[in-house]
Amino acid sequence: MKALIQRVNKACVEVEGIVVSKIDKGILLFLGVEKNDINSDINYIAEKVVNLRIFEDENEKMNLSLLEAQGELLIVSQFTLAANTKKGRRPGFDNAMNPDKAESFYKEFINYIDEKYKIICKTGVFGKHMNISLINDGPVTFLLESMKK
């Protein structure tokens, strides 16, 4: 499982010209599910996302987590994070989990955060073409990989 985290001042997801989700200060999380992922990958990435200290404290040091900063969370599925770009010029997606199973993992990830941390997760629309607008705060961006835990 791969997760690209962006600390944002605002983020918005549109599908077919309609805003389906938006947040203010918080994290925009692009979540890529790979075919060898298991439930412990959900736990690992979720724990990192909500507890990674990437928000500034009163001394302008990255010392607060999403929970401590009381930020919002917008989760967008992004299978392209599972791409293999090592050979040739066309990305390969053999590492991506099949869409039906990936959607289940995506929903399980959202439910896990909601139930364990009581964070309301805003989401994109799985499998749809989405336009994402964001104002990256920093810029602050991190890539998390569960296989490297």
N, C-alpha and C. Protein backbone atom coordinates (compact mmCIF):
# COMPACT_ATOMS: atom_id res chain seq x y z
N MET A 1 0.86 -1.17 0.00
CA MET A 1 0.00 0.00 0.00
C MET A 1 0.90 1.23 0.00
N LYS A 2 0.53 2.17 -0.81
CA LYS A 2 1.28 3.42 -0.87
C LYS A 2 0.32 4.57 -0.60
N ALA A 3 0.82 5.55 0.14
CA ALA A 3 0.00 6.72 0.46
C ALA A 3 0.84 7.97 0.25
N LEU A 4 0.33 8.87 -0.55
CA LEU A 4 0.96 10.15 -0.76
C LEU A 4 0.18 11.17 0.08
N ILE A 5 0.87 11.76 1.04
CA ILE A 5 0.23 12.71 1.96
C ILE A 5 0.64 14.12 1.56
N GLN A 6 -0.34 15.00 1.46
CA GLN A 6 -0.05 16.41 1.24
C GLN A 6 -0.76 17.21 2.33
N ARG A 7 0.03 18.02 3.04
CA ARG A 7 -0.56 18.92 4.03
C ARG A 7 -1.15 20.09 3.25
N VAL A 8 -2.44 20.34 3.46
CA VAL A 8 -3.13 21.34 2.65
C VAL A 8 -3.84 22.37 3.51
N ASN A 9 -4.01 23.55 2.91
CA ASN A 9 -4.88 24.56 3.51
C ASN A 9 -6.31 24.36 3.01
N LYS A 10 -6.43 23.80 1.80
CA LYS A 10 -7.73 23.48 1.20
C LYS A 10 -7.52 22.39 0.16
N ALA A 11 -8.55 21.56 -0.02
CA ALA A 11 -8.54 20.58 -1.09
C ALA A 11 -9.98 20.28 -1.47
N CYS A 12 -10.17 19.94 -2.75
CA CYS A 12 -11.51 19.75 -3.28
C CYS A 12 -11.47 18.67 -4.37
N VAL A 13 -12.50 17.83 -4.39
CA VAL A 13 -12.64 16.80 -5.42
C VAL A 13 -13.91 17.08 -6.22
N GLU A 14 -13.75 17.11 -7.54
CA GLU A 14 -14.90 17.27 -8.45
C GLU A 14 -15.02 16.04 -9.33
N VAL A 15 -16.25 15.61 -9.54
CA VAL A 15 -16.55 14.53 -10.48
C VAL A 15 -17.62 15.07 -11.42
N GLU A 16 -17.32 15.07 -12.71
CA GLU A 16 -18.23 15.58 -13.74
C GLU A 16 -18.71 17.00 -13.42
N GLY A 17 -17.77 17.83 -12.95
CA GLY A 17 -18.08 19.23 -12.67
C GLY A 17 -18.79 19.51 -11.36
N ILE A 18 -19.04 18.47 -10.58
CA ILE A 18 -19.74 18.63 -9.30
C ILE A 18 -18.77 18.37 -8.16
N VAL A 19 -18.72 19.30 -7.19
CA VAL A 19 -17.87 19.11 -6.01
C VAL A 19 -18.49 18.01 -5.15
N VAL A 20 -17.71 16.93 -4.94
CA VAL A 20 -18.21 15.81 -4.14
C VAL A 20 -17.63 15.81 -2.73
N SER A 21 -16.47 16.45 -2.54
CA SER A 21 -15.85 16.54 -1.22
C SER A 21 -14.91 17.73 -1.19
N LYS A 22 -14.79 18.32 0.00
CA LYS A 22 -13.80 19.38 0.18
C LYS A 22 -13.43 19.47 1.65
N ILE A 23 -12.20 19.91 1.88
CA ILE A 23 -11.73 20.12 3.24
C ILE A 23 -10.99 21.45 3.31
N ASP A 24 -10.83 21.91 4.53
CA ASP A 24 -9.94 23.04 4.80
C ASP A 24 -8.64 22.45 5.34
N LYS A 25 -8.01 23.07 6.29
CA LYS A 25 -6.71 22.64 6.81
C LYS A 25 -6.72 21.16 7.19
N GLY A 26 -5.77 20.43 6.63
CA GLY A 26 -5.68 19.02 6.94
C GLY A 26 -4.78 18.28 5.99
N ILE A 27 -5.15 17.03 5.70
CA ILE A 27 -4.35 16.16 4.84
C ILE A 27 -5.19 15.70 3.66
N LEU A 28 -4.61 15.86 2.47
CA LEU A 28 -5.12 15.22 1.26
C LEU A 28 -4.28 13.96 1.09
N LEU A 29 -4.94 12.82 1.12
CA LEU A 29 -4.26 11.53 1.07
C LEU A 29 -4.65 10.80 -0.21
N PHE A 30 -3.65 10.53 -1.05
CA PHE A 30 -3.84 9.69 -2.23
C PHE A 30 -3.44 8.28 -1.83
N LEU A 31 -4.35 7.32 -1.95
CA LEU A 31 -4.13 5.96 -1.47
C LEU A 31 -4.07 4.99 -2.64
N GLY A 32 -2.94 4.30 -2.76
CA GLY A 32 -2.75 3.29 -3.80
C GLY A 32 -2.68 1.91 -3.17
N VAL A 33 -3.55 1.01 -3.61
CA VAL A 33 -3.62 -0.34 -3.06
C VAL A 33 -2.96 -1.31 -4.03
N GLU A 34 -2.04 -2.12 -3.50
CA GLU A 34 -1.30 -3.07 -4.33
C GLU A 34 -1.79 -4.49 -4.09
N LYS A 35 -1.57 -5.37 -5.07
CA LYS A 35 -2.17 -6.70 -5.04
C LYS A 35 -1.72 -7.56 -3.87
N ASN A 36 -0.58 -7.31 -3.29
CA ASN A 36 -0.10 -8.11 -2.16
C ASN A 36 -0.42 -7.49 -0.80
N ASP A 37 -1.21 -6.43 -0.78
CA ASP A 37 -1.55 -5.78 0.49
C ASP A 37 -2.46 -6.67 1.33
N ILE A 38 -2.28 -6.54 2.65
CA ILE A 38 -3.10 -7.28 3.61
C ILE A 38 -3.63 -6.29 4.65
N ASN A 39 -4.49 -6.76 5.55
CA ASN A 39 -5.12 -5.87 6.52
C ASN A 39 -4.13 -5.11 7.39
N SER A 40 -2.99 -5.71 7.70
CA SER A 40 -2.01 -5.00 8.53
C SER A 40 -1.45 -3.78 7.80
N ASP A 41 -1.49 -3.77 6.47
CA ASP A 41 -1.06 -2.59 5.71
C ASP A 41 -2.02 -1.43 5.95
N ILE A 42 -3.31 -1.73 6.04
CA ILE A 42 -4.30 -0.70 6.35
C ILE A 42 -3.97 -0.07 7.70
N ASN A 43 -3.75 -0.91 8.70
CA ASN A 43 -3.46 -0.41 10.05
C ASN A 43 -2.20 0.45 10.07
N TYR A 44 -1.16 -0.03 9.41
CA TYR A 44 0.13 0.68 9.40
C TYR A 44 0.00 2.06 8.76
N ILE A 45 -0.59 2.11 7.57
CA ILE A 45 -0.71 3.39 6.86
C ILE A 45 -1.65 4.33 7.61
N ALA A 46 -2.77 3.83 8.09
CA ALA A 46 -3.72 4.67 8.83
C ALA A 46 -3.06 5.28 10.07
N GLU A 47 -2.34 4.46 10.80
CA GLU A 47 -1.63 4.93 12.01
C GLU A 47 -0.66 6.06 11.67
N LYS A 48 0.10 5.86 10.59
CA LYS A 48 1.06 6.87 10.16
C LYS A 48 0.36 8.16 9.74
N VAL A 49 -0.70 8.04 8.97
CA VAL A 49 -1.39 9.23 8.45
C VAL A 49 -1.90 10.11 9.58
N VAL A 50 -2.55 9.53 10.56
CA VAL A 50 -3.17 10.36 11.61
C VAL A 50 -2.18 10.80 12.68
N ASN A 51 -1.04 10.10 12.81
CA ASN A 51 -0.10 10.42 13.89
C ASN A 51 1.21 11.05 13.45
N LEU A 52 1.47 11.10 12.14
CA LEU A 52 2.70 11.72 11.65
C LEU A 52 2.69 13.21 12.02
N ARG A 53 3.73 13.66 12.64
CA ARG A 53 3.79 15.04 13.14
C ARG A 53 4.25 15.97 12.02
N ILE A 54 3.28 16.46 11.25
CA ILE A 54 3.60 17.30 10.09
C ILE A 54 2.95 18.68 10.15
N PHE A 55 2.24 18.96 11.23
CA PHE A 55 1.61 20.27 11.39
C PHE A 55 2.41 21.09 12.39
N GLU A 56 2.47 22.39 12.14
CA GLU A 56 3.30 23.27 12.96
C GLU A 56 2.65 23.58 14.30
N ASP A 57 3.51 23.63 15.33
CA ASP A 57 3.06 24.05 16.65
C ASP A 57 3.23 25.57 16.78
N GLU A 58 3.08 26.09 17.99
CA GLU A 58 3.18 27.54 18.21
C GLU A 58 4.57 28.09 17.92
N ASN A 59 5.59 27.21 17.86
CA ASN A 59 6.96 27.63 17.55
C ASN A 59 7.33 27.38 16.08
N GLU A 60 6.32 27.11 15.25
CA GLU A 60 6.49 26.87 13.82
C GLU A 60 7.37 25.65 13.53
N LYS A 61 7.32 24.67 14.41
CA LYS A 61 8.02 23.39 14.22
C LYS A 61 6.98 22.33 13.87
N MET A 62 7.34 21.44 12.94
CA MET A 62 6.43 20.34 12.62
C MET A 62 6.42 19.40 13.82
N ASN A 63 5.42 19.57 14.67
CA ASN A 63 5.39 18.85 15.93
C ASN A 63 4.00 18.32 16.28
N LEU A 64 3.00 18.58 15.44
CA LEU A 64 1.64 18.17 15.73
C LEU A 64 1.13 17.19 14.67
N SER A 65 0.37 16.23 15.12
CA SER A 65 -0.26 15.27 14.21
C SER A 65 -1.58 15.83 13.70
N LEU A 66 -2.18 15.12 12.77
CA LEU A 66 -3.51 15.49 12.28
C LEU A 66 -4.50 15.52 13.44
N LEU A 67 -4.40 14.55 14.32
CA LEU A 67 -5.30 14.50 15.49
C LEU A 67 -5.10 15.72 16.38
N GLU A 68 -3.85 16.03 16.69
CA GLU A 68 -3.55 17.16 17.58
C GLU A 68 -3.90 18.50 16.95
N ALA A 69 -3.72 18.60 15.65
CA ALA A 69 -4.02 19.85 14.95
C ALA A 69 -5.51 19.98 14.63
N GLN A 70 -6.25 18.91 14.89
CA GLN A 70 -7.68 18.85 14.59
C GLN A 70 -7.96 19.20 13.13
N GLY A 71 -7.11 18.62 12.27
CA GLY A 71 -7.26 18.84 10.83
C GLY A 71 -8.27 17.90 10.22
N GLU A 72 -8.60 18.17 8.98
CA GLU A 72 -9.54 17.34 8.23
C GLU A 72 -8.78 16.37 7.34
N LEU A 73 -9.46 15.34 6.87
CA LEU A 73 -8.82 14.32 6.05
C LEU A 73 -9.67 14.04 4.81
N LEU A 74 -9.02 14.13 3.66
CA LEU A 74 -9.65 13.82 2.38
C LEU A 74 -8.87 12.69 1.74
N ILE A 75 -9.54 11.55 1.52
CA ILE A 75 -8.89 10.35 0.99
C ILE A 75 -9.37 10.10 -0.44
N VAL A 76 -8.39 9.99 -1.34
CA VAL A 76 -8.69 9.78 -2.75
C VAL A 76 -7.96 8.52 -3.21
N SER A 77 -8.70 7.59 -3.80
CA SER A 77 -8.06 6.38 -4.33
C SER A 77 -7.24 6.75 -5.56
N GLN A 78 -6.03 6.17 -5.64
CA GLN A 78 -5.17 6.48 -6.78
C GLN A 78 -4.33 5.26 -7.13
N PHE A 79 -4.86 4.44 -8.04
CA PHE A 79 -4.17 3.21 -8.41
C PHE A 79 -2.83 3.48 -9.09
N THR A 80 -2.63 4.67 -9.64
CA THR A 80 -1.38 4.95 -10.34
C THR A 80 -0.18 4.97 -9.40
N LEU A 81 -0.41 5.06 -8.10
CA LEU A 81 0.70 4.97 -7.14
C LEU A 81 1.34 3.58 -7.17
N ALA A 82 0.62 2.59 -7.64
CA ALA A 82 1.14 1.22 -7.73
C ALA A 82 1.90 0.97 -9.03
N ALA A 83 2.05 1.99 -9.84
CA ALA A 83 2.68 1.83 -11.16
C ALA A 83 4.14 1.44 -11.05
N ASN A 84 4.55 0.63 -12.01
CA ASN A 84 5.96 0.29 -12.19
C ASN A 84 6.46 1.13 -13.36
N THR A 85 7.43 1.99 -13.09
CA THR A 85 7.96 2.88 -14.14
C THR A 85 9.43 2.60 -14.44
N LYS A 86 9.92 1.45 -14.01
CA LYS A 86 11.34 1.15 -14.17
C LYS A 86 11.74 0.81 -15.60
N LYS A 87 10.84 0.16 -16.34
CA LYS A 87 11.17 -0.26 -17.70
C LYS A 87 10.33 0.51 -18.70
N GLY A 88 10.96 0.93 -19.77
CA GLY A 88 10.23 1.58 -20.85
C GLY A 88 9.68 2.94 -20.46
N ARG A 89 8.71 3.38 -21.25
CA ARG A 89 8.14 4.72 -21.06
C ARG A 89 6.67 4.68 -20.67
N ARG A 90 6.07 3.51 -20.75
CA ARG A 90 4.66 3.37 -20.38
C ARG A 90 4.58 2.71 -19.01
N PRO A 91 3.91 3.35 -18.04
CA PRO A 91 3.79 2.74 -16.71
C PRO A 91 3.06 1.40 -16.80
N GLY A 92 3.51 0.45 -15.99
CA GLY A 92 2.83 -0.84 -15.88
C GLY A 92 2.06 -0.90 -14.58
N PHE A 93 0.90 -1.52 -14.61
CA PHE A 93 0.04 -1.54 -13.43
C PHE A 93 -0.20 -2.94 -12.90
N ASP A 94 0.74 -3.85 -13.15
CA ASP A 94 0.60 -5.22 -12.66
C ASP A 94 0.60 -5.29 -11.14
N ASN A 95 1.18 -4.32 -10.47
CA ASN A 95 1.23 -4.32 -9.00
C ASN A 95 -0.06 -3.84 -8.37
N ALA A 96 -0.92 -3.22 -9.13
CA ALA A 96 -2.18 -2.69 -8.58
C ALA A 96 -3.15 -3.84 -8.30
N MET A 97 -3.86 -3.70 -7.19
CA MET A 97 -4.88 -4.69 -6.83
C MET A 97 -6.05 -4.56 -7.80
N ASN A 98 -6.74 -5.67 -8.09
CA ASN A 98 -7.88 -5.59 -9.00
C ASN A 98 -8.93 -4.64 -8.40
N PRO A 99 -9.67 -3.93 -9.23
CA PRO A 99 -10.55 -2.87 -8.76
C PRO A 99 -11.58 -3.28 -7.70
N ASP A 100 -12.20 -4.45 -7.83
CA ASP A 100 -13.20 -4.86 -6.85
C ASP A 100 -12.60 -5.02 -5.46
N LYS A 101 -11.49 -5.72 -5.40
CA LYS A 101 -10.82 -5.94 -4.11
C LYS A 101 -10.22 -4.63 -3.59
N ALA A 102 -9.67 -3.81 -4.49
CA ALA A 102 -9.09 -2.53 -4.09
C ALA A 102 -10.14 -1.61 -3.50
N GLU A 103 -11.34 -1.60 -4.07
CA GLU A 103 -12.40 -0.76 -3.53
C GLU A 103 -12.77 -1.21 -2.11
N SER A 104 -12.77 -2.50 -1.89
CA SER A 104 -13.04 -3.03 -0.55
C SER A 104 -11.97 -2.57 0.43
N PHE A 105 -10.69 -2.64 0.04
CA PHE A 105 -9.59 -2.17 0.89
C PHE A 105 -9.72 -0.67 1.17
N TYR A 106 -10.05 0.08 0.14
CA TYR A 106 -10.22 1.53 0.26
C TYR A 106 -11.30 1.84 1.29
N LYS A 107 -12.43 1.18 1.19
CA LYS A 107 -13.53 1.40 2.15
C LYS A 107 -13.15 0.94 3.55
N GLU A 108 -12.43 -0.17 3.63
CA GLU A 108 -11.97 -0.67 4.93
C GLU A 108 -11.01 0.33 5.58
N PHE A 109 -10.15 0.93 4.78
CA PHE A 109 -9.21 1.94 5.28
C PHE A 109 -9.98 3.13 5.87
N ILE A 110 -10.97 3.61 5.15
CA ILE A 110 -11.78 4.74 5.60
C ILE A 110 -12.52 4.38 6.89
N ASN A 111 -13.13 3.20 6.93
CA ASN A 111 -13.85 2.76 8.13
C ASN A 111 -12.92 2.61 9.33
N TYR A 112 -11.72 2.11 9.09
CA TYR A 112 -10.75 1.93 10.17
C TYR A 112 -10.41 3.28 10.82
N ILE A 113 -10.14 4.27 10.00
CA ILE A 113 -9.82 5.60 10.55
C ILE A 113 -11.02 6.19 11.26
N ASP A 114 -12.18 6.07 10.67
CA ASP A 114 -13.40 6.60 11.27
C ASP A 114 -13.67 5.96 12.62
N GLU A 115 -13.58 4.63 12.70
CA GLU A 115 -13.90 3.92 13.94
C GLU A 115 -12.82 4.08 15.00
N LYS A 116 -11.55 3.96 14.63
CA LYS A 116 -10.48 4.01 15.62
C LYS A 116 -10.18 5.43 16.09
N TYR A 117 -10.19 6.38 15.17
CA TYR A 117 -9.74 7.73 15.51
C TYR A 117 -10.87 8.75 15.56
N LYS A 118 -12.06 8.35 15.16
CA LYS A 118 -13.23 9.24 15.16
C LYS A 118 -13.00 10.47 14.29
N ILE A 119 -12.25 10.27 13.22
CA ILE A 119 -12.02 11.33 12.24
C ILE A 119 -12.99 11.11 11.09
N ILE A 120 -13.73 12.13 10.76
CA ILE A 120 -14.62 12.03 9.61
C ILE A 120 -13.76 12.13 8.36
N CYS A 121 -13.85 11.10 7.53
CA CYS A 121 -13.06 11.06 6.30
C CYS A 121 -13.93 11.50 5.14
N LYS A 122 -13.49 12.55 4.48
CA LYS A 122 -14.11 12.93 3.21
C LYS A 122 -13.41 12.10 2.14
N THR A 123 -14.10 11.83 1.04
CA THR A 123 -13.52 10.94 0.04
C THR A 123 -13.79 11.42 -1.37
N GLY A 124 -13.00 10.86 -2.27
CA GLY A 124 -13.29 10.99 -3.69
C GLY A 124 -14.30 9.91 -4.05
N VAL A 125 -14.44 9.62 -5.33
CA VAL A 125 -15.36 8.58 -5.79
C VAL A 125 -14.52 7.49 -6.45
N PHE A 126 -14.49 6.33 -5.84
CA PHE A 126 -13.64 5.24 -6.30
C PHE A 126 -13.95 4.91 -7.77
N GLY A 127 -12.88 4.81 -8.57
CA GLY A 127 -13.01 4.38 -9.95
C GLY A 127 -13.47 5.45 -10.93
N LYS A 128 -13.76 6.63 -10.45
CA LYS A 128 -14.22 7.71 -11.33
C LYS A 128 -13.05 8.63 -11.69
N HIS A 129 -13.20 9.32 -12.81
CA HIS A 129 -12.25 10.37 -13.16
C HIS A 129 -12.54 11.56 -12.28
N MET A 130 -11.53 12.03 -11.55
CA MET A 130 -11.72 13.12 -10.60
C MET A 130 -10.77 14.27 -10.92
N ASN A 131 -11.23 15.47 -10.68
CA ASN A 131 -10.37 16.65 -10.73
C ASN A 131 -10.13 17.07 -9.29
N ILE A 132 -8.85 17.15 -8.93
CA ILE A 132 -8.47 17.48 -7.57
C ILE A 132 -7.84 18.86 -7.57
N SER A 133 -8.36 19.73 -6.71
CA SER A 133 -7.76 21.05 -6.51
C SER A 133 -7.23 21.10 -5.10
N LEU A 134 -6.06 21.71 -4.94
CA LEU A 134 -5.50 21.80 -3.59
C LEU A 134 -4.59 22.99 -3.46
N ILE A 135 -4.48 23.43 -2.23
CA ILE A 135 -3.47 24.42 -1.87
C ILE A 135 -2.57 23.71 -0.87
N ASN A 136 -1.38 23.30 -1.35
CA ASN A 136 -0.43 22.58 -0.51
C ASN A 136 0.20 23.58 0.44
N ASP A 137 0.19 23.25 1.72
CA ASP A 137 0.72 24.12 2.77
C ASP A 137 2.18 23.77 3.01
N GLY A 138 3.09 24.59 2.53
CA GLY A 138 4.50 24.33 2.77
C GLY A 138 5.39 24.66 1.59
N PRO A 139 5.49 23.83 0.62
CA PRO A 139 4.79 22.57 0.40
C PRO A 139 5.30 21.46 1.32
N VAL A 140 4.38 20.64 1.80
CA VAL A 140 4.71 19.49 2.64
C VAL A 140 4.05 18.28 2.00
N THR A 141 4.89 17.32 1.56
CA THR A 141 4.41 16.11 0.91
C THR A 141 5.29 14.94 1.35
N PHE A 142 4.62 13.80 1.69
CA PHE A 142 5.34 12.60 2.12
C PHE A 142 4.78 11.39 1.40
N LEU A 143 5.65 10.43 1.09
CA LEU A 143 5.23 9.17 0.52
C LEU A 143 5.43 8.08 1.58
N LEU A 144 4.36 7.37 1.89
CA LEU A 144 4.42 6.24 2.83
C LEU A 144 4.25 4.95 2.05
N GLU A 145 5.01 3.92 2.43
CA GLU A 145 4.90 2.62 1.78
C GLU A 145 4.84 1.56 2.86
N SER A 146 3.79 0.78 2.87
CA SER A 146 3.65 -0.24 3.91
C SER A 146 4.63 -1.40 3.73
N MET A 147 5.04 -1.69 2.51
CA MET A 147 5.99 -2.79 2.28
C MET A 147 7.36 -2.49 2.87
N LYS A 148 7.62 -1.23 3.17
CA LYS A 148 8.92 -0.84 3.70
C LYS A 148 8.87 -0.58 5.19
N LYS A 149 7.79 -1.04 5.84
CA LYS A 149 7.65 -0.79 7.28
C LYS A 149 8.65 -1.58 8.10
